[in-house]
Amino acid sequence: MAIVCTHIDQIQEVIPSAPGCEECLQTGDDWVHLRICLTCGHVGCCDSSKNKHATKHFHQTQHPIIASFEKGEDWGWCYVDQVELDFSE
């Protein structure tokens, strides 16, 4: 049985908070890949980045769904349900 995300209804039309990881830009740090919160638009770095700001944002806010903020990628992740989402459709 496939795991289903129960938080799809919380996805909002958002404006990115920054052109890169918001916190890394403030501190001068680097990141590997970017993620955008689909509740508020916060842009944070991925878990392959040393600071993991996207996941830290989830723990601070409980906003459940992020999407890749990389060109050509159309997937997301629900932290609560631990399931990848396909936005290509």
PDB file of N, CA and C in Angstrom:
ATOM      1  N   MET A   1       0.845  -1.190   0.000  1.00  0.00           N
ATOM      2  CA  MET A   1       0.000   0.000   0.000  1.00  0.00           C
ATOM      3  C   MET A   1       0.890   1.252   0.000  1.00  0.00           C
ATOM      4  N   ALA A   2       0.625   2.173  -0.892  1.00  0.00           N
ATOM      5  CA  ALA A   2       1.420   3.401  -1.020  1.00  0.00           C
ATOM      6  C   ALA A   2       1.104   4.371   0.121  1.00  0.00           C
ATOM      7  N   ILE A   3       2.152   5.039   0.589  1.00  0.00           N
ATOM      8  CA  ILE A   3       1.974   6.063   1.609  1.00  0.00           C
ATOM      9  C   ILE A   3       1.476   7.324   0.918  1.00  0.00           C
ATOM     10  N   VAL A   4       0.466   7.947   1.497  1.00  0.00           N
ATOM     11  CA  VAL A   4      -0.145   9.138   0.905  1.00  0.00           C
ATOM     12  C   VAL A   4       0.098  10.337   1.819  1.00  0.00           C
ATOM     13  N   CYS A   5       0.383  11.461   1.213  1.00  0.00           N
ATOM     14  CA  CYS A   5       0.548  12.697   1.978  1.00  0.00           C
ATOM     15  C   CYS A   5      -0.829  13.228   2.370  1.00  0.00           C
ATOM     16  N   THR A   6      -0.996  13.491   3.649  1.00  0.00           N
ATOM     17  CA  THR A   6      -2.268  14.016   4.161  1.00  0.00           C
ATOM     18  C   THR A   6      -2.229  15.528   4.352  1.00  0.00           C
ATOM     19  N   HIS A   7      -1.193  16.180   3.798  1.00  0.00           N
ATOM     20  CA  HIS A   7      -1.020  17.625   4.008  1.00  0.00           C
ATOM     21  C   HIS A   7      -1.074  18.438   2.719  1.00  0.00           C
ATOM     22  N   ILE A   8      -1.443  17.808   1.617  1.00  0.00           N
ATOM     23  CA  ILE A   8      -1.509  18.483   0.311  1.00  0.00           C
ATOM     24  C   ILE A   8      -2.380  19.744   0.388  1.00  0.00           C
ATOM     25  N   ASP A   9      -3.419  19.695   1.212  1.00  0.00           N
ATOM     26  CA  ASP A   9      -4.327  20.839   1.325  1.00  0.00           C
ATOM     27  C   ASP A   9      -3.665  22.061   1.960  1.00  0.00           C
ATOM     28  N   GLN A  10      -2.463  21.903   2.514  1.00  0.00           N
ATOM     29  CA  GLN A  10      -1.761  23.025   3.140  1.00  0.00           C
ATOM     30  C   GLN A  10      -0.809  23.739   2.179  1.00  0.00           C
ATOM     31  N   ILE A  11      -0.707  23.251   0.945  1.00  0.00           N
ATOM     32  CA  ILE A  11       0.153  23.896  -0.047  1.00  0.00           C
ATOM     33  C   ILE A  11      -0.450  25.237  -0.437  1.00  0.00           C
ATOM     34  N   GLN A  12       0.375  26.262  -0.398  1.00  0.00           N
ATOM     35  CA  GLN A  12      -0.030  27.621  -0.740  1.00  0.00           C
ATOM     36  C   GLN A  12       0.743  28.093  -1.971  1.00  0.00           C
ATOM     37  N   GLU A  13       0.229  29.098  -2.639  1.00  0.00           N
ATOM     38  CA  GLU A  13       0.998  29.778  -3.676  1.00  0.00           C
ATOM     39  C   GLU A  13       1.927  30.737  -2.931  1.00  0.00           C
ATOM     40  N   VAL A  14       3.226  30.519  -3.031  1.00  0.00           N
ATOM     41  CA  VAL A  14       4.182  31.271  -2.211  1.00  0.00           C
ATOM     42  C   VAL A  14       5.144  32.081  -3.065  1.00  0.00           C
ATOM     43  N   ILE A  15       5.716  33.082  -2.436  1.00  0.00           N
ATOM     44  CA  ILE A  15       6.777  33.896  -3.048  1.00  0.00           C
ATOM     45  C   ILE A  15       8.069  33.525  -2.328  1.00  0.00           C
ATOM     46  N   PRO A  16       9.125  33.173  -3.062  1.00  0.00           N
ATOM     47  CA  PRO A  16      10.392  32.804  -2.413  1.00  0.00           C
ATOM     48  C   PRO A  16      10.909  33.925  -1.515  1.00  0.00           C
ATOM     49  N   SER A  17      11.372  33.551  -0.332  1.00  0.00           N
ATOM     50  CA  SER A  17      11.862  34.529   0.644  1.00  0.00           C
ATOM     51  C   SER A  17      13.218  35.107   0.257  1.00  0.00           C
ATOM     52  N   ALA A  18      13.948  34.411  -0.610  1.00  0.00           N
ATOM     53  CA  ALA A  18      15.290  34.844  -1.010  1.00  0.00           C
ATOM     54  C   ALA A  18      15.684  34.098  -2.289  1.00  0.00           C
ATOM     55  N   PRO A  19      16.713  34.590  -3.004  1.00  0.00           N
ATOM     56  CA  PRO A  19      17.169  33.895  -4.214  1.00  0.00           C
ATOM     57  C   PRO A  19      18.015  32.660  -3.909  1.00  0.00           C
ATOM     58  N   GLY A  20      18.389  32.477  -2.654  1.00  0.00           N
ATOM     59  CA  GLY A  20      19.163  31.337  -2.183  1.00  0.00           C
ATOM     60  C   GLY A  20      18.744  31.031  -0.767  1.00  0.00           C
ATOM     61  N   CYS A  21      19.480  30.172  -0.083  1.00  0.00           N
ATOM     62  CA  CYS A  21      19.144  29.859   1.305  1.00  0.00           C
ATOM     63  C   CYS A  21      19.182  31.147   2.125  1.00  0.00           C
ATOM     64  N   GLU A  22      18.058  31.469   2.712  1.00  0.00           N
ATOM     65  CA  GLU A  22      17.911  32.736   3.429  1.00  0.00           C
ATOM     66  C   GLU A  22      18.965  32.899   4.529  1.00  0.00           C
ATOM     67  N   GLU A  23      19.155  31.871   5.351  1.00  0.00           N
ATOM     68  CA  GLU A  23      20.096  31.960   6.461  1.00  0.00           C
ATOM     69  C   GLU A  23      21.547  31.917   5.980  1.00  0.00           C
ATOM     70  N   CYS A  24      21.846  31.074   4.993  1.00  0.00           N
ATOM     71  CA  CYS A  24      23.228  30.998   4.478  1.00  0.00           C
ATOM     72  C   CYS A  24      23.642  32.307   3.822  1.00  0.00           C
ATOM     73  N   LEU A  25      22.715  32.963   3.150  1.00  0.00           N
ATOM     74  CA  LEU A  25      23.034  34.260   2.544  1.00  0.00           C
ATOM     75  C   LEU A  25      23.392  35.280   3.628  1.00  0.00           C
ATOM     76  N   GLN A  26      22.707  35.209   4.772  1.00  0.00           N
ATOM     77  CA  GLN A  26      22.971  36.146   5.868  1.00  0.00           C
ATOM     78  C   GLN A  26      24.331  35.903   6.518  1.00  0.00           C
ATOM     79  N   THR A  27      24.762  34.624   6.555  1.00  0.00           N
ATOM     80  CA  THR A  27      26.017  34.292   7.241  1.00  0.00           C
ATOM     81  C   THR A  27      27.195  34.108   6.295  1.00  0.00           C
ATOM     82  N   GLY A  28      26.924  34.110   4.982  1.00  0.00           N
ATOM     83  CA  GLY A  28      27.991  33.917   4.014  1.00  0.00           C
ATOM     84  C   GLY A  28      28.358  32.458   3.780  1.00  0.00           C
ATOM     85  N   ASP A  29      27.493  31.539   4.211  1.00  0.00           N
ATOM     86  CA  ASP A  29      27.743  30.113   4.021  1.00  0.00           C
ATOM     87  C   ASP A  29      27.310  29.656   2.638  1.00  0.00           C
ATOM     88  N   ASP A  30      27.757  28.452   2.273  1.00  0.00           N
ATOM     89  CA  ASP A  30      27.393  27.828   0.999  1.00  0.00           C
ATOM     90  C   ASP A  30      26.346  26.754   1.238  1.00  0.00           C
ATOM     91  N   TRP A  31      25.698  26.337   0.155  1.00  0.00           N
ATOM     92  CA  TRP A  31      24.730  25.249   0.223  1.00  0.00           C
ATOM     93  C   TRP A  31      24.919  24.340  -0.978  1.00  0.00           C
ATOM     94  N   VAL A  32      24.269  23.155  -0.921  1.00  0.00           N
ATOM     95  CA  VAL A  32      24.339  22.188  -2.009  1.00  0.00           C
ATOM     96  C   VAL A  32      23.129  22.355  -2.924  1.00  0.00           C
ATOM     97  N   HIS A  33      21.930  22.219  -2.367  1.00  0.00           N
ATOM     98  CA  HIS A  33      20.681  22.387  -3.119  1.00  0.00           C
ATOM     99  C   HIS A  33      19.701  23.190  -2.274  1.00  0.00           C
ATOM    100  N   LEU A  34      18.695  23.750  -2.938  1.00  0.00           N
ATOM    101  CA  LEU A  34      17.716  24.590  -2.248  1.00  0.00           C
ATOM    102  C   LEU A  34      16.338  23.943  -2.210  1.00  0.00           C
ATOM    103  N   ARG A  35      15.608  24.245  -1.138  1.00  0.00           N
ATOM    104  CA  ARG A  35      14.224  23.801  -0.967  1.00  0.00           C
ATOM    105  C   ARG A  35      13.384  25.015  -0.591  1.00  0.00           C
ATOM    106  N   ILE A  36      12.106  25.000  -1.013  1.00  0.00           N
ATOM    107  CA  ILE A  36      11.199  26.089  -0.677  1.00  0.00           C
ATOM    108  C   ILE A  36      10.013  25.526   0.106  1.00  0.00           C
ATOM    109  N   CYS A  37       9.669  26.199   1.176  1.00  0.00           N
ATOM    110  CA  CYS A  37       8.518  25.818   1.991  1.00  0.00           C
ATOM    111  C   CYS A  37       7.249  26.193   1.230  1.00  0.00           C
ATOM    112  N   LEU A  38       6.352  25.243   1.071  1.00  0.00           N
ATOM    113  CA  LEU A  38       5.126  25.505   0.320  1.00  0.00           C
ATOM    114  C   LEU A  38       4.002  26.032   1.200  1.00  0.00           C
ATOM    115  N   THR A  39       4.337  26.402   2.433  1.00  0.00           N
ATOM    116  CA  THR A  39       3.381  27.084   3.305  1.00  0.00           C
ATOM    117  C   THR A  39       3.668  28.579   3.336  1.00  0.00           C
ATOM    118  N   CYS A  40       4.972  28.943   3.439  1.00  0.00           N
ATOM    119  CA  CYS A  40       5.299  30.364   3.618  1.00  0.00           C
ATOM    120  C   CYS A  40       6.315  30.914   2.621  1.00  0.00           C
ATOM    121  N   GLY A  41       6.994  30.050   1.844  1.00  0.00           N
ATOM    122  CA  GLY A  41       7.962  30.535   0.866  1.00  0.00           C
ATOM    123  C   GLY A  41       9.388  30.614   1.355  1.00  0.00           C
ATOM    124  N   HIS A  42       9.657  30.193   2.579  1.00  0.00           N
ATOM    125  CA  HIS A  42      11.032  30.202   3.094  1.00  0.00           C
ATOM    126  C   HIS A  42      11.916  29.345   2.188  1.00  0.00           C
ATOM    127  N   VAL A  43      13.057  29.888   1.775  1.00  0.00           N
ATOM    128  CA  VAL A  43      14.023  29.136   0.982  1.00  0.00           C
ATOM    129  C   VAL A  43      15.167  28.739   1.910  1.00  0.00           C
ATOM    130  N   GLY A  44      15.411  27.426   1.976  1.00  0.00           N
ATOM    131  CA  GLY A  44      16.461  26.902   2.837  1.00  0.00           C
ATOM    132  C   GLY A  44      17.286  25.858   2.115  1.00  0.00           C
ATOM    133  N   CYS A  45      18.433  25.553   2.684  1.00  0.00           N
ATOM    134  CA  CYS A  45      19.314  24.553   2.075  1.00  0.00           C
ATOM    135  C   CYS A  45      18.891  23.141   2.477  1.00  0.00           C
ATOM    136  N   CYS A  46      19.256  22.190   1.615  1.00  0.00           N
ATOM    137  CA  CYS A  46      18.851  20.787   1.775  1.00  0.00           C
ATOM    138  C   CYS A  46      19.664  20.082   2.855  1.00  0.00           C
ATOM    139  N   ASP A  47      19.307  18.839   3.130  1.00  0.00           N
ATOM    140  CA  ASP A  47      20.000  18.058   4.149  1.00  0.00           C
ATOM    141  C   ASP A  47      21.392  17.602   3.726  1.00  0.00           C
ATOM    142  N   SER A  48      21.749  17.751   2.453  1.00  0.00           N
ATOM    143  CA  SER A  48      23.123  17.480   2.024  1.00  0.00           C
ATOM    144  C   SER A  48      24.025  18.684   2.300  1.00  0.00           C
ATOM    145  N   SER A  49      23.428  19.813   2.613  1.00  0.00           N
ATOM    146  CA  SER A  49      24.164  21.021   2.983  1.00  0.00           C
ATOM    147  C   SER A  49      24.501  20.947   4.471  1.00  0.00           C
ATOM    148  N   LYS A  50      25.590  21.577   4.869  1.00  0.00           N
ATOM    149  CA  LYS A  50      26.017  21.442   6.272  1.00  0.00           C
ATOM    150  C   LYS A  50      25.032  22.046   7.275  1.00  0.00           C
ATOM    151  N   ASN A  51      24.273  23.066   6.866  1.00  0.00           N
ATOM    152  CA  ASN A  51      23.382  23.738   7.810  1.00  0.00           C
ATOM    153  C   ASN A  51      21.953  23.194   7.846  1.00  0.00           C
ATOM    154  N   LYS A  52      21.523  22.523   6.798  1.00  0.00           N
ATOM    155  CA  LYS A  52      20.192  21.881   6.752  1.00  0.00           C
ATOM    156  C   LYS A  52      19.062  22.837   7.163  1.00  0.00           C
ATOM    157  N   HIS A  53      19.084  24.043   6.596  1.00  0.00           N
ATOM    158  CA  HIS A  53      18.121  25.060   7.012  1.00  0.00           C
ATOM    159  C   HIS A  53      16.674  24.744   6.646  1.00  0.00           C
ATOM    160  N   ALA A  54      16.431  24.004   5.564  1.00  0.00           N
ATOM    161  CA  ALA A  54      15.047  23.663   5.209  1.00  0.00           C
ATOM    162  C   ALA A  54      14.434  22.783   6.291  1.00  0.00           C
ATOM    163  N   THR A  55      15.179  21.783   6.751  1.00  0.00           N
ATOM    164  CA  THR A  55      14.668  20.901   7.813  1.00  0.00           C
ATOM    165  C   THR A  55      14.556  21.650   9.131  1.00  0.00           C
ATOM    166  N   LYS A  56      15.507  22.525   9.423  1.00  0.00           N
ATOM    167  CA  LYS A  56      15.417  23.342  10.648  1.00  0.00           C
ATOM    168  C   LYS A  56      14.161  24.208  10.617  1.00  0.00           C
ATOM    169  N   HIS A  57      13.824  24.734   9.432  1.00  0.00           N
ATOM    170  CA  HIS A  57      12.612  25.542   9.286  1.00  0.00           C
ATOM    171  C   HIS A  57      11.382  24.698   9.618  1.00  0.00           C
ATOM    172  N   PHE A  58      11.339  23.455   9.132  1.00  0.00           N
ATOM    173  CA  PHE A  58      10.216  22.575   9.458  1.00  0.00           C
ATOM    174  C   PHE A  58      10.109  22.374  10.970  1.00  0.00           C
ATOM    175  N   HIS A  59      11.223  22.097  11.633  1.00  0.00           N
ATOM    176  CA  HIS A  59      11.183  21.852  13.084  1.00  0.00           C
ATOM    177  C   HIS A  59      10.742  23.092  13.861  1.00  0.00           C
ATOM    178  N   GLN A  60      11.049  24.276  13.351  1.00  0.00           N
ATOM    179  CA  GLN A  60      10.652  25.517  14.023  1.00  0.00           C
ATOM    180  C   GLN A  60       9.193  25.878  13.773  1.00  0.00           C
ATOM    181  N   THR A  61       8.686  25.548  12.575  1.00  0.00           N
ATOM    182  CA  THR A  61       7.360  26.025  12.179  1.00  0.00           C
ATOM    183  C   THR A  61       6.302  24.940  12.043  1.00  0.00           C
ATOM    184  N   GLN A  62       6.743  23.697  11.845  1.00  0.00           N
ATOM    185  CA  GLN A  62       5.852  22.572  11.543  1.00  0.00           C
ATOM    186  C   GLN A  62       5.165  22.719  10.187  1.00  0.00           C
ATOM    187  N   HIS A  63       5.694  23.560   9.297  1.00  0.00           N
ATOM    188  CA  HIS A  63       5.193  23.639   7.923  1.00  0.00           C
ATOM    189  C   HIS A  63       5.594  22.334   7.238  1.00  0.00           C
ATOM    190  N   PRO A  64       4.634  21.530   6.785  1.00  0.00           N
ATOM    191  CA  PRO A  64       4.929  20.141   6.420  1.00  0.00           C
ATOM    192  C   PRO A  64       5.589  19.889   5.067  1.00  0.00           C
ATOM    193  N   ILE A  65       5.360  20.731   4.061  1.00  0.00           N
ATOM    194  CA  ILE A  65       5.778  20.370   2.708  1.00  0.00           C
ATOM    195  C   ILE A  65       6.769  21.371   2.126  1.00  0.00           C
ATOM    196  N   ILE A  66       7.859  20.802   1.574  1.00  0.00           N
ATOM    197  CA  ILE A  66       8.827  21.595   0.828  1.00  0.00           C
ATOM    198  C   ILE A  66       8.839  21.096  -0.606  1.00  0.00           C
ATOM    199  N   ALA A  67       9.374  21.915  -1.488  1.00  0.00           N
ATOM    200  CA  ALA A  67       9.595  21.512  -2.874  1.00  0.00           C
ATOM    201  C   ALA A  67      11.029  21.848  -3.227  1.00  0.00           C
ATOM    202  N   SER A  68      11.555  21.139  -4.206  1.00  0.00           N
ATOM    203  CA  SER A  68      12.880  21.490  -4.700  1.00  0.00           C
ATOM    204  C   SER A  68      12.812  22.893  -5.283  1.00  0.00           C
ATOM    205  N   PHE A  69      13.821  23.698  -5.022  1.00  0.00           N
ATOM    206  CA  PHE A  69      13.915  25.052  -5.575  1.00  0.00           C
ATOM    207  C   PHE A  69      15.036  25.082  -6.606  1.00  0.00           C
ATOM    208  N   GLU A  70      15.258  23.923  -7.251  1.00  0.00           N
ATOM    209  CA  GLU A  70      16.272  23.782  -8.279  1.00  0.00           C
ATOM    210  C   GLU A  70      15.589  23.759  -9.644  1.00  0.00           C
ATOM    211  N   LYS A  71      16.192  24.447 -10.611  1.00  0.00           N
ATOM    212  CA  LYS A  71      15.643  24.472 -11.979  1.00  0.00           C
ATOM    213  C   LYS A  71      15.488  23.056 -12.522  1.00  0.00           C
ATOM    214  N   GLY A  72      14.341  22.803 -13.146  1.00  0.00           N
ATOM    215  CA  GLY A  72      14.099  21.528 -13.787  1.00  0.00           C
ATOM    216  C   GLY A  72      13.653  20.409 -12.856  1.00  0.00           C
ATOM    217  N   GLU A  73      13.564  20.675 -11.566  1.00  0.00           N
ATOM    218  CA  GLU A  73      13.103  19.662 -10.625  1.00  0.00           C
ATOM    219  C   GLU A  73      11.683  19.984 -10.180  1.00  0.00           C
ATOM    220  N   ASP A  74      10.826  18.974 -10.194  1.00  0.00           N
ATOM    221  CA  ASP A  74       9.418  19.204  -9.836  1.00  0.00           C
ATOM    222  C   ASP A  74       8.914  18.141  -8.856  1.00  0.00           C
ATOM    223  N   TRP A  75       9.598  18.071  -7.741  1.00  0.00           N
ATOM    224  CA  TRP A  75       9.217  17.138  -6.696  1.00  0.00           C
ATOM    225  C   TRP A  75       9.171  17.875  -5.365  1.00  0.00           C
ATOM    226  N   GLY A  76       8.511  17.252  -4.416  1.00  0.00           N
ATOM    227  CA  GLY A  76       8.418  17.804  -3.074  1.00  0.00           C
ATOM    228  C   GLY A  76       8.584  16.718  -2.035  1.00  0.00           C
ATOM    229  N   TRP A  77       8.526  17.114  -0.782  1.00  0.00           N
ATOM    230  CA  TRP A  77       8.673  16.188   0.327  1.00  0.00           C
ATOM    231  C   TRP A  77       7.774  16.631   1.468  1.00  0.00           C
ATOM    232  N   CYS A  78       7.048  15.680   2.036  1.00  0.00           N
ATOM    233  CA  CYS A  78       6.259  15.954   3.231  1.00  0.00           C
ATOM    234  C   CYS A  78       7.035  15.418   4.421  1.00  0.00           C
ATOM    235  N   TYR A  79       7.465  16.312   5.297  1.00  0.00           N
ATOM    236  CA  TYR A  79       8.221  15.916   6.477  1.00  0.00           C
ATOM    237  C   TYR A  79       7.379  15.061   7.420  1.00  0.00           C
ATOM    238  N   VAL A  80       6.113  15.370   7.550  1.00  0.00           N
ATOM    239  CA  VAL A  80       5.255  14.664   8.502  1.00  0.00           C
ATOM    240  C   VAL A  80       4.983  13.237   8.043  1.00  0.00           C
ATOM    241  N   ASP A  81       4.560  13.085   6.802  1.00  0.00           N
ATOM    242  CA  ASP A  81       4.215  11.758   6.283  1.00  0.00           C
ATOM    243  C   ASP A  81       5.421  11.014   5.714  1.00  0.00           C
ATOM    244  N   GLN A  82       6.578  11.701   5.617  1.00  0.00           N
ATOM    245  CA  GLN A  82       7.809  11.088   5.112  1.00  0.00           C
ATOM    246  C   GLN A  82       7.603  10.477   3.727  1.00  0.00           C
ATOM    247  N   VAL A  83       7.026  11.290   2.827  1.00  0.00           N
ATOM    248  CA  VAL A  83       6.736  10.804   1.481  1.00  0.00           C
ATOM    249  C   VAL A  83       7.135  11.848   0.436  1.00  0.00           C
ATOM    250  N   GLU A  84       7.704  11.374  -0.672  1.00  0.00           N
ATOM    251  CA  GLU A  84       8.066  12.259  -1.780  1.00  0.00           C
ATOM    252  C   GLU A  84       6.828  12.532  -2.624  1.00  0.00           C
ATOM    253  N   LEU A  85       6.729  13.748  -3.119  1.00  0.00           N
ATOM    254  CA  LEU A  85       5.585  14.179  -3.920  1.00  0.00           C
ATOM    255  C   LEU A  85       6.055  14.496  -5.332  1.00  0.00           C
ATOM    256  N   ASP A  86       5.262  14.118  -6.321  1.00  0.00           N
ATOM    257  CA  ASP A  86       5.581  14.365  -7.717  1.00  0.00           C
ATOM    258  C   ASP A  86       4.699  15.508  -8.218  1.00  0.00           C
ATOM    259  N   PHE A  87       5.312  16.649  -8.529  1.00  0.00           N
ATOM    260  CA  PHE A  87       4.567  17.807  -9.003  1.00  0.00           C
ATOM    261  C   PHE A  87       4.629  17.944 -10.527  1.00  0.00           C
ATOM    262  N   SER A  88       5.075  16.923 -11.220  1.00  0.00           N
ATOM    263  CA  SER A  88       5.244  17.011 -12.668  1.00  0.00           C
ATOM    264  C   SER A  88       3.930  16.889 -13.419  1.00  0.00           C
ATOM    265  N   GLU A  89       2.906  16.470 -12.767  1.00  0.00           N
ATOM    266  CA  GLU A  89       1.607  16.261 -13.440  1.00  0.00           C
ATOM    267  C   GLU A  89       0.835  17.531 -13.628  1.00  0.00           C
TER     268      GLU A  89
END
